[in-house]
Every structure is written in structure tokens, then in C-alpha cells.
Amino acid sequence: MNFMSNPLSESVIKKIQMAKLFYELASDCYRIIENIERVGAGIILLQDSVELFLIAICEHVNVENRENLKFHEYFKEIKKKVPGKIIPFKDDMLKLNKQRVSLKHYGIRPYIDDCKTFHKNVYSFFKETSKSHLEIDFDSISLINLLSEKKLKTIMKQAEVDLKELNYRECLIGCRKALYLVFEKQFDIRPFIKYEEDVKNKNDLAKVLSRPKSQAPKYAKNKQYIEENVEQPTDFIVIDYNEIWRELLNNGIDLVSFSNVRMLTPEVYLFEEEEEWAISEYTGGIRYNQENAEYCFRKTVEILLTEQKNSERKKGISKSTFHPITVKNKEISILRKASLSSNVEYKLKKNLEYKVYLFKEVRGLDSKDKYYQVVVLPPIDREKSQIKYTGYILKEDINKI
């Protein structure tokens, strides 16, 4: 099996990112090569980073029982799984490990000439081994690559660059933009500015179907509220906290982390027509520093990946469980309850075609008749509209189709 062609898993990427962090800490120790005590600490960190990287490769190529391997054994086990590939800089990594053992376990200080190339060799090892055994550029390995939505990935990749280049303000703004697109955008009330005027002369069904999609509280979804309360673009976002907390909890997202990121980042609003972002910043509020930027970036990536995994799982359940049937030229009543004496919620029109999702088969409340619990999508703007009719249809009516 060609393990190398497989995409990197989240677990493997996290190990490589930790290896990168150890390498960066070692790099700081190597800034002054004459300071042998700091270089010694750097050697220990370099060896730790290499070992983490080797563990990640072992996981990627499916090495078994890798938890108890000694340093030199990683190379042998990887070679067994990928026999046609030579691990570059292997001898240099074994020398690094030997130096680390002498220093850490026996207190033998290294000679400068023996260790001055370790730092450069480790980076070359990462680069070449990533290319040969992971088929990816080492510097591009990031959890952000796991994001499937192109716009989110672009925003977070730029935030990652901004963090590395110490542009903390831009990094924090990028994190908030990502949260806006995934969570806050659904509470936008701006489309209601013109809604009442646009539907003034339309019938009730047209009004319902053209109503803007927004999870904002009902009291905010009207022109009067907007005129009285919206003073700047970010005021167009009116969050129903009961709704958003429920969504976060259902998706396993940590509420504290989500709240902290929102608190540490400036509010944003997207004018979609112009593709222009409005930023609302307190002049003396948010501290654009390394601590806040690193925290928000890490937590935002975690939140986005958790949301993505749960969304994909729900889509998979939906697609594999419920299948629509087409109903055309049939006058069928959708009842509020599983009873012929119940109120009619909606009646399918004879000259139209509907998609009907059958969820449950149940017994009637006041008879032995069988009913289907259904969701019916109307034919008008079926793909875009959120309007659905729910209720019960007599099984006998469905069986006649």
C-alpha cells in the first residue's frame, strides 16, 4: 500500500507542528553559537523536534507498536514500510541523538565544532524527508490545509503568515473574519432594510419565500429596529445567543474559547456586494500582541475544524438516511398531526411538483391508519429557499403515487 500518497491526518499534522515549535525554540538557543550552555539546551530541543517528526512519519506510514521505539529504531521501522526510499541526513540525526544523550544523561558539555551544524542539518532533514516520505513541502504543513472551504482556508492562511511576520492586528482580524463567515453571518439583519418595501404588493406565499434568511431574534428583523438601533456596519449582526450557544454545544465547540476569541478580536462585517470588510476597533481596547494573536489563531483553527467535522458528519447522516420522493399532479393534504381530524397545514397543488422527505412511519392518533412524518419542499426556488412544510401525510396517499 502506498501510504505516502495519503493526505496527512490531523494527528500527524499536530505532531509536526509541535516539532516545528521545538525547532523554533532551539533556533533561539543557537543565535549565539559561543554560548555553549544555550546551545546545549538547543541540542536537546533539536533532538526532541526530530523525534516528534519521526513519530509523525511512523504514524503516517502505519508503523505498528511505535510507542516503545528507541530513537535509532524509528529509521529501521520507517524503512520497512517504505523500502524504496532513503531517509536523508540519517547519520547526522544519529550524531545529534548521541550528543543529546551525552549532554542530558552524563552532563558532558558539547564542543562548538561538533554541534554548530546541527541546527542547519535538522532543517534540511525536515525539508528533504517531507518531500521524500510525505510528498509535501515541510513549510506548508499546517492544520489549515484540512479546511475544505476555500474562502476560510485563504483567510486563515493569511492569518498564519501575519502571525509569523508579527502582524498581530491583521492576524486577529483574520481570525474574526473566519468566525464571522461560519457563525456570525447567519445573524445579519441588513437584508430586512428593503424587505418590507419589496413585498408590499406580493401575496402571502411570495412574501414567505422571499423573506431573508436570518437567525437573528425576531424583534430585530424589521426596518424600524434597524433605523433605531443600527449606527455602524457591525450593528447589523444581532446574535441570538440561545441559538448560537445551542449550535456550539451541539457541535462540541468550547464556549469559553469561542467567547475569548470574539472578545480579543475586533468586530467585523462583510458587505458582500462590494466584497468589502468593515472593521470596528476600540482605540484603547484590544491588545494586538503576540500572546493574544497566538491564542486566537490556535483556537480559531480548532473551532473551525471541529465545526467542519460535525457538519460533514451531519451531512453524511442526512444523505445516507433520508431520500426524497417526487410528488406531481396530486392534491395531498399535509396534516398538523397524525389524524384525519387534524388541521391542514398545507395542500399540495395538482399542477405542481414537490420533493417530499419521508422521516417516520407512525400510527394515527385516533385510528389504525398509518401516516408518514414528512418535510415537503415547495417547487418555487426549491434549492435556495429555507421554507419547508412539515407535518403528516396519510400513507395511503403516498402509496397511490
Protein backbone atom coordinates (compact mmCIF):
# COMPACT_ATOMS: atom_id res chain seq x y z
CA MET A 1 0.00 0.00 0.00
CA ASN A 2 1.31 3.46 -0.89
CA PHE A 3 0.93 5.29 2.44
CA MET A 4 2.83 8.33 1.19
CA SER A 5 0.11 9.32 -1.24
CA ASN A 6 -2.42 9.57 1.60
CA PRO A 7 -3.22 13.09 2.85
CA LEU A 8 -1.78 13.95 6.25
CA SER A 9 -4.19 13.33 9.12
CA GLU A 10 -4.95 15.91 11.78
CA SER A 11 -2.99 13.86 14.33
CA VAL A 12 0.12 13.74 12.11
CA ILE A 13 -0.06 17.46 11.35
CA LYS A 14 -0.33 18.30 15.06
CA LYS A 15 2.82 16.29 15.81
CA ILE A 16 4.72 18.02 13.00
CA GLN A 17 3.56 21.42 14.24
CA MET A 18 4.88 20.55 17.71
CA ALA A 19 8.16 19.52 16.09
CA LYS A 20 8.24 22.91 14.36
CA LEU A 21 7.70 24.67 17.69
CA PHE A 22 10.59 22.78 19.33
CA TYR A 23 12.77 23.63 16.34
CA GLU A 24 11.94 27.33 16.66
CA LEU A 25 12.81 27.25 20.37
CA ALA A 26 16.10 25.54 19.51
CA SER A 27 16.79 28.18 16.86
CA ASP A 28 16.62 30.85 19.55
CA CYS A 29 19.21 28.92 21.58
CA TYR A 30 21.51 28.80 18.54
CA ARG A 31 21.51 32.57 17.95
CA ILE A 32 24.86 32.95 19.74
CA ILE A 33 26.90 29.85 18.95
CA GLU A 34 29.58 30.76 21.52
CA ASN A 35 27.05 30.48 24.37
CA ILE A 36 27.57 26.75 24.82
CA GLU A 37 25.04 26.42 27.65
CA ARG A 38 22.24 27.78 25.46
CA VAL A 39 23.47 25.71 22.51
CA GLY A 40 23.31 22.65 24.79
CA ALA A 41 19.65 23.41 25.53
CA GLY A 42 19.17 23.84 21.79
CA ILE A 43 20.62 20.38 21.12
CA ILE A 44 18.07 18.80 23.46
CA LEU A 45 15.24 20.71 21.78
CA LEU A 46 16.51 19.81 18.30
CA GLN A 47 16.57 16.10 19.15
CA ASP A 48 13.06 16.33 20.60
CA SER A 49 11.82 18.02 17.44
CA VAL A 50 13.40 15.32 15.24
CA GLU A 51 11.91 12.53 17.37
CA LEU A 52 8.45 14.08 17.16
CA PHE A 53 8.83 14.36 13.40
CA LEU A 54 9.87 10.70 13.14
CA ILE A 55 6.88 9.67 15.27
CA ALA A 56 4.63 11.59 12.87
CA ILE A 57 6.12 9.78 9.85
CA CYS A 58 5.73 6.41 11.60
CA GLU A 59 2.07 7.19 12.19
CA HIS A 60 1.59 8.29 8.59
CA VAL A 61 3.12 5.09 7.13
CA ASN A 62 1.32 2.96 9.74
CA VAL A 63 4.25 1.63 11.76
CA GLU A 64 2.87 -0.63 14.49
CA ASN A 65 3.93 -0.54 18.16
CA ARG A 66 5.69 2.77 17.58
CA GLU A 67 5.11 3.94 21.17
CA ASN A 68 8.10 2.00 22.58
CA LEU A 69 10.67 2.56 19.84
CA LYS A 70 14.13 3.90 20.61
CA PHE A 71 15.48 6.78 18.54
CA HIS A 72 17.57 4.70 16.10
CA GLU A 73 14.71 2.21 15.66
CA TYR A 74 12.43 4.80 14.03
CA PHE A 75 14.63 4.79 10.95
CA LYS A 76 14.55 0.98 10.65
CA GLU A 77 10.77 0.77 11.03
CA ILE A 78 10.15 3.54 8.51
CA LYS A 79 12.48 1.81 6.02
CA LYS A 80 10.48 -1.44 6.41
CA LYS A 81 7.28 0.40 5.46
CA VAL A 82 8.89 2.45 2.68
CA PRO A 83 11.71 0.21 1.44
CA GLY A 84 12.46 2.13 -1.74
CA LYS A 85 13.19 5.43 0.00
CA ILE A 86 16.42 6.55 1.70
CA ILE A 87 15.93 8.75 4.77
CA PRO A 88 18.14 11.79 4.16
CA PHE A 89 20.54 13.08 6.83
CA LYS A 90 20.05 9.90 8.89
CA ASP A 91 23.68 9.80 10.09
CA ASP A 92 23.52 13.46 11.12
CA MET A 93 20.35 12.81 13.17
CA LEU A 94 22.01 9.83 14.90
CA LYS A 95 25.00 12.08 15.78
CA LEU A 96 22.57 14.64 17.19
CA ASN A 97 20.93 11.99 19.35
CA LYS A 98 24.31 10.76 20.61
CA GLN A 99 25.31 14.31 21.56
CA ARG A 100 21.98 14.80 23.35
CA VAL A 101 22.46 11.57 25.37
CA SER A 102 25.98 12.64 26.41
CA LEU A 103 24.73 16.07 27.45
CA LYS A 104 21.47 15.17 29.17
CA HIS A 105 22.35 11.84 30.80
CA TYR A 106 26.06 12.28 31.51
CA GLY A 107 26.47 16.05 31.77
CA ILE A 108 29.17 16.17 29.08
CA ARG A 109 29.27 19.63 27.51
CA PRO A 110 29.44 19.63 23.71
CA TYR A 111 32.29 21.17 21.72
CA ILE A 112 31.20 24.03 19.47
CA ASP A 113 32.77 22.48 16.39
CA ASP A 114 30.84 19.26 16.98
CA CYS A 115 27.41 20.87 17.15
CA LYS A 116 27.43 24.09 15.14
CA THR A 117 25.86 22.43 12.06
CA PHE A 118 23.10 20.55 13.93
CA HIS A 119 20.62 23.38 13.58
CA LYS A 120 21.03 23.64 9.81
CA ASN A 121 21.09 19.86 9.34
CA VAL A 122 17.82 19.34 11.21
CA TYR A 123 16.01 21.81 8.99
CA SER A 124 17.45 20.11 5.89
CA PHE A 125 16.31 16.77 7.32
CA PHE A 126 12.77 18.12 7.77
CA LYS A 127 12.67 19.57 4.25
CA GLU A 128 14.09 16.55 2.42
CA THR A 129 12.22 13.89 4.42
CA SER A 130 8.92 15.74 4.00
CA LYS A 131 9.49 15.72 0.26
CA SER A 132 10.57 12.07 0.04
CA HIS A 133 8.29 10.41 2.63
CA LEU A 134 5.28 12.73 2.95
CA GLU A 135 5.27 14.15 -0.59
CA ILE A 136 4.69 17.65 0.72
CA ASP A 137 6.72 20.80 1.36
CA PHE A 138 7.68 20.97 5.03
CA ASP A 139 6.97 24.70 5.38
CA SER A 140 3.45 24.27 4.01
CA ILE A 141 2.37 21.65 6.56
CA SER A 142 -0.44 23.20 8.58
CA LEU A 143 -3.80 22.26 10.10
CA ILE A 144 -5.30 24.95 7.88
CA ASN A 145 -4.85 22.60 4.92
CA LEU A 146 -7.59 20.44 6.44
CA LEU A 147 -10.16 23.21 5.98
CA SER A 148 -12.36 22.36 2.99
CA GLU A 149 -13.98 25.78 2.43
CA LYS A 150 -11.73 27.75 0.09
CA LYS A 151 -12.55 31.21 1.44
CA LEU A 152 -11.89 30.17 5.04
CA LYS A 153 -8.64 28.49 4.08
CA THR A 154 -7.44 31.64 2.28
CA ILE A 155 -8.27 33.87 5.25
CA MET A 156 -6.60 31.58 7.79
CA LYS A 157 -3.50 31.02 5.65
CA GLN A 158 -3.05 34.79 5.51
CA ALA A 159 -3.61 34.99 9.28
CA GLU A 160 -0.89 32.36 9.71
CA VAL A 161 1.51 34.42 7.57
CA ASP A 162 0.61 37.56 9.54
CA LEU A 163 1.34 35.76 12.81
CA LYS A 164 4.77 34.62 11.60
CA GLU A 165 5.56 38.13 10.36
CA LEU A 166 4.46 39.66 13.69
CA ASN A 167 1.49 41.47 12.10
CA TYR A 168 -0.68 40.74 15.13
CA ARG A 169 -3.52 43.12 14.26
CA GLU A 170 -4.04 41.58 10.83
CA CYS A 171 -3.82 38.07 12.30
CA LEU A 172 -6.54 38.82 14.87
CA ILE A 173 -8.76 40.45 12.26
CA GLY A 174 -8.36 37.38 10.05
CA CYS A 175 -9.44 35.11 12.89
CA ARG A 176 -12.57 37.19 13.45
CA LYS A 177 -13.38 37.19 9.72
CA ALA A 178 -13.34 33.39 9.80
CA LEU A 179 -15.68 33.24 12.79
CA TYR A 180 -17.94 35.78 11.11
CA LEU A 181 -18.32 33.68 7.96
CA VAL A 182 -19.05 30.47 9.85
CA PHE A 183 -21.08 31.70 12.83
CA GLU A 184 -21.97 35.40 12.88
CA LYS A 185 -23.09 35.93 9.30
CA GLN A 186 -26.30 33.97 9.89
CA PHE A 187 -27.47 36.75 12.27
CA ASP A 188 -27.28 39.52 9.67
CA ILE A 189 -30.38 41.81 9.64
CA ARG A 190 -29.27 44.18 6.86
CA PRO A 191 -31.40 42.44 4.15
CA PHE A 192 -34.52 43.49 6.10
CA ILE A 193 -33.95 47.16 5.23
CA LYS A 194 -35.73 46.73 1.90
CA TYR A 195 -37.72 43.56 2.54
CA GLU A 196 -40.98 45.18 3.69
CA GLU A 197 -40.97 47.55 0.74
CA ASP A 198 -40.12 44.81 -1.77
CA VAL A 199 -43.01 42.53 -0.70
CA LYS A 200 -45.65 45.22 -0.20
CA ASN A 201 -47.74 44.13 -3.19
CA LYS A 202 -46.95 40.41 -3.15
CA ASN A 203 -49.16 37.55 -1.98
CA ASP A 204 -48.53 35.69 1.29
CA LEU A 205 -46.64 32.76 -0.25
CA ALA A 206 -44.33 35.09 -2.19
CA LYS A 207 -43.69 37.06 1.00
CA VAL A 208 -42.70 33.91 2.86
CA LEU A 209 -40.49 32.60 0.07
CA SER A 210 -38.65 35.90 -0.43
CA ARG A 211 -38.10 36.54 3.28
CA PRO A 212 -34.36 36.97 4.02
CA LYS A 213 -32.64 34.11 5.81
CA SER A 214 -31.50 35.19 9.24
CA GLN A 215 -31.25 33.54 12.66
CA ALA A 216 -31.37 36.95 14.39
CA PRO A 217 -34.05 37.49 17.06
CA LYS A 218 -37.50 38.22 15.65
CA TYR A 219 -37.61 41.70 17.20
CA ALA A 220 -34.60 42.79 15.13
CA LYS A 221 -35.78 41.62 11.72
CA ASN A 222 -37.58 44.76 10.58
CA LYS A 223 -36.83 48.19 9.15
CA GLN A 224 -37.90 50.07 12.29
CA TYR A 225 -35.42 48.24 14.52
CA ILE A 226 -32.64 48.87 12.01
CA GLU A 227 -33.38 52.60 11.79
CA GLU A 228 -33.44 52.96 15.57
CA ASN A 229 -30.51 50.74 16.56
CA VAL A 230 -28.00 50.31 13.73
CA GLU A 231 -25.36 53.05 13.96
CA GLN A 232 -22.41 51.31 12.26
CA PRO A 233 -21.99 48.27 9.97
CA THR A 234 -21.21 45.75 12.73
CA ASP A 235 -24.57 46.58 14.36
CA PHE A 236 -26.21 44.65 11.50
CA ILE A 237 -25.17 41.47 13.34
CA VAL A 238 -27.71 40.80 16.09
CA ILE A 239 -26.88 37.46 17.67
CA ASP A 240 -29.49 35.25 19.25
CA TYR A 241 -27.24 33.83 21.98
CA ASN A 242 -29.60 30.99 22.84
CA GLU A 243 -29.38 29.87 19.22
CA ILE A 244 -25.61 30.23 18.84
CA TRP A 245 -24.81 28.59 22.21
CA ARG A 246 -27.04 25.66 21.26
CA GLU A 247 -25.25 25.34 17.91
CA LEU A 248 -21.82 25.45 19.53
CA LEU A 249 -22.71 22.90 22.20
CA ASN A 250 -24.25 20.54 19.65
CA ASN A 251 -21.02 20.70 17.62
CA GLY A 252 -18.75 20.14 20.62
CA ILE A 253 -17.16 23.61 20.45
CA ASP A 254 -15.79 25.05 23.67
CA LEU A 255 -17.91 28.08 24.61
CA VAL A 256 -15.11 29.73 26.61
CA SER A 257 -12.64 29.53 23.71
CA PHE A 258 -15.24 30.88 21.28
CA SER A 259 -16.12 33.79 23.60
CA ASN A 260 -12.46 34.58 24.27
CA VAL A 261 -11.61 34.79 20.57
CA ARG A 262 -14.56 37.12 19.97
CA MET A 263 -13.53 39.26 22.94
CA LEU A 264 -9.88 39.50 21.81
CA THR A 265 -10.65 40.32 18.16
CA PRO A 266 -12.31 43.39 16.59
CA GLU A 267 -15.87 43.16 15.29
CA VAL A 268 -16.21 42.81 11.52
CA TYR A 269 -18.96 43.00 8.91
CA LEU A 270 -18.86 41.94 5.26
CA PHE A 271 -20.59 43.99 2.54
CA GLU A 272 -20.93 41.05 0.17
CA GLU A 273 -21.88 43.06 -2.91
CA GLU A 274 -18.64 45.03 -2.77
CA GLU A 275 -16.65 42.25 -1.05
CA GLU A 276 -15.56 44.88 1.45
CA TRP A 277 -14.90 44.22 5.13
CA ALA A 278 -15.84 46.82 7.75
CA ILE A 279 -13.73 46.69 10.92
CA SER A 280 -14.87 48.11 14.25
CA GLU A 281 -11.96 48.69 16.65
CA TYR A 282 -11.84 50.21 20.12
CA THR A 283 -8.99 52.71 20.16
CA GLY A 284 -7.81 51.62 23.60
CA GLY A 285 -9.39 48.18 23.83
CA ILE A 286 -7.88 45.15 22.14
CA ARG A 287 -4.19 44.50 22.68
CA TYR A 288 -2.57 43.44 19.44
CA ASN A 289 0.26 41.38 20.89
CA GLN A 290 1.90 38.01 20.36
CA GLU A 291 0.12 36.29 23.25
CA ASN A 292 -3.36 37.24 22.02
CA ALA A 293 -2.57 36.53 18.38
CA GLU A 294 -1.13 33.08 19.04
CA TYR A 295 -4.04 32.15 21.31
CA CYS A 296 -6.73 33.36 18.91
CA PHE A 297 -5.11 31.78 15.87
CA ARG A 298 -4.77 28.38 17.55
CA LYS A 299 -8.29 28.43 18.99
CA THR A 300 -9.86 29.66 15.76
CA VAL A 301 -8.32 26.79 13.79
CA GLU A 302 -9.56 24.32 16.45
CA ILE A 303 -13.08 25.80 16.33
CA LEU A 304 -13.24 25.75 12.52
CA LEU A 305 -12.04 22.15 12.26
CA THR A 306 -14.46 20.99 14.95
CA GLU A 307 -17.35 22.73 13.20
CA GLN A 308 -16.30 21.26 9.85
CA LYS A 309 -16.08 17.69 11.18
CA ASN A 310 -19.52 17.89 12.77
CA SER A 311 -21.07 19.49 9.68
CA GLU A 312 -19.64 16.75 7.47
CA ARG A 313 -20.91 14.08 9.87
CA LYS A 314 -24.42 15.57 9.85
CA LYS A 315 -24.42 15.80 6.05
CA GLY A 316 -23.36 12.17 5.86
CA ILE A 317 -26.18 11.10 8.15
CA SER A 318 -28.69 13.16 6.21
CA LYS A 319 -27.58 11.90 2.83
CA SER A 320 -27.48 8.25 3.84
CA THR A 321 -30.75 8.14 5.77
CA PHE A 322 -33.41 10.28 4.12
CA HIS A 323 -34.29 10.22 0.43
CA PRO A 324 -36.97 12.39 -1.20
CA ILE A 325 -39.74 11.18 -3.45
CA THR A 326 -41.26 13.30 -6.18
CA VAL A 327 -44.95 14.12 -5.97
CA LYS A 328 -46.56 15.63 -9.06
CA ASN A 329 -50.16 16.35 -10.06
CA LYS A 330 -51.54 15.18 -6.71
CA GLU A 331 -53.73 17.11 -4.29
CA ILE A 332 -52.45 15.75 -0.97
CA SER A 333 -53.03 17.32 2.45
CA ILE A 334 -50.20 17.83 4.93
CA LEU A 335 -51.77 17.45 8.37
CA ARG A 336 -50.52 19.06 11.56
CA LYS A 337 -50.99 15.77 13.47
CA ALA A 338 -51.31 12.10 12.53
CA SER A 339 -55.06 12.35 12.37
CA LEU A 340 -57.63 12.99 9.63
CA SER A 341 -59.41 15.37 12.00
CA SER A 342 -56.24 17.49 12.40
CA ASN A 343 -55.76 20.93 10.84
CA VAL A 344 -54.37 21.01 7.30
CA GLU A 345 -51.00 22.80 7.29
CA TYR A 346 -50.68 22.89 3.51
CA LYS A 347 -52.27 21.25 0.49
CA LEU A 348 -50.14 20.16 -2.45
CA LYS A 349 -51.40 21.73 -5.66
CA LYS A 350 -52.28 19.47 -8.56
CA ASN A 351 -50.31 21.30 -11.24
CA LEU A 352 -47.03 21.49 -9.30
CA GLU A 353 -44.14 19.13 -8.50
CA TYR A 354 -42.83 18.71 -4.93
CA LYS A 355 -39.96 16.96 -3.17
CA VAL A 356 -41.27 15.02 -0.16
CA TYR A 357 -38.91 13.64 2.51
CA LEU A 358 -40.31 10.69 4.50
CA PHE A 359 -38.85 10.57 8.02
CA LYS A 360 -41.05 8.24 10.06
CA GLU A 361 -43.94 5.86 9.64
CA VAL A 362 -46.36 6.17 12.59
CA ARG A 363 -49.79 5.01 13.71
CA GLY A 364 -52.63 7.51 13.72
CA LEU A 365 -53.72 9.23 16.93
CA ASP A 366 -57.36 8.21 16.65
CA SER A 367 -57.30 5.33 14.15
CA LYS A 368 -55.16 2.43 12.97
CA ASP A 369 -54.29 4.29 9.78
CA LYS A 370 -50.59 4.69 9.00
CA TYR A 371 -49.01 8.11 8.39
CA TYR A 372 -45.65 9.39 7.24
CA GLN A 373 -43.98 12.24 9.11
CA VAL A 374 -42.74 14.43 6.26
CA VAL A 375 -40.92 17.55 5.20
CA VAL A 376 -42.12 18.99 1.88
CA LEU A 377 -40.09 21.44 -0.21
CA PRO A 378 -42.22 23.72 -2.39
CA PRO A 379 -41.31 23.94 -6.09
CA ILE A 380 -40.62 27.70 -6.08
CA ASP A 381 -36.91 28.40 -5.52
CA ARG A 382 -36.57 24.92 -4.06
CA GLU A 383 -32.80 24.86 -3.74
CA LYS A 384 -32.40 28.33 -2.24
CA SER A 385 -35.44 28.69 -0.01
CA GLN A 386 -35.40 27.65 3.63
CA ILE A 387 -39.22 27.38 3.65
CA LYS A 388 -40.42 23.86 4.31
CA TYR A 389 -43.80 22.41 5.20
CA THR A 390 -43.74 19.80 7.93
CA GLY A 391 -46.46 17.50 9.17
CA TYR A 392 -48.08 14.16 8.38
CA ILE A 393 -49.37 12.56 5.19
CA LEU A 394 -51.61 9.53 5.12
CA LYS A 395 -49.54 6.54 3.97
CA GLU A 396 -52.33 5.51 1.64
CA ASP A 397 -51.98 8.80 -0.25
CA ILE A 398 -48.24 8.23 -0.74
CA ASN A 399 -48.74 4.63 -1.85
CA LYS A 400 -51.04 5.81 -4.67
CA ILE A 401 -48.22 7.81 -6.26
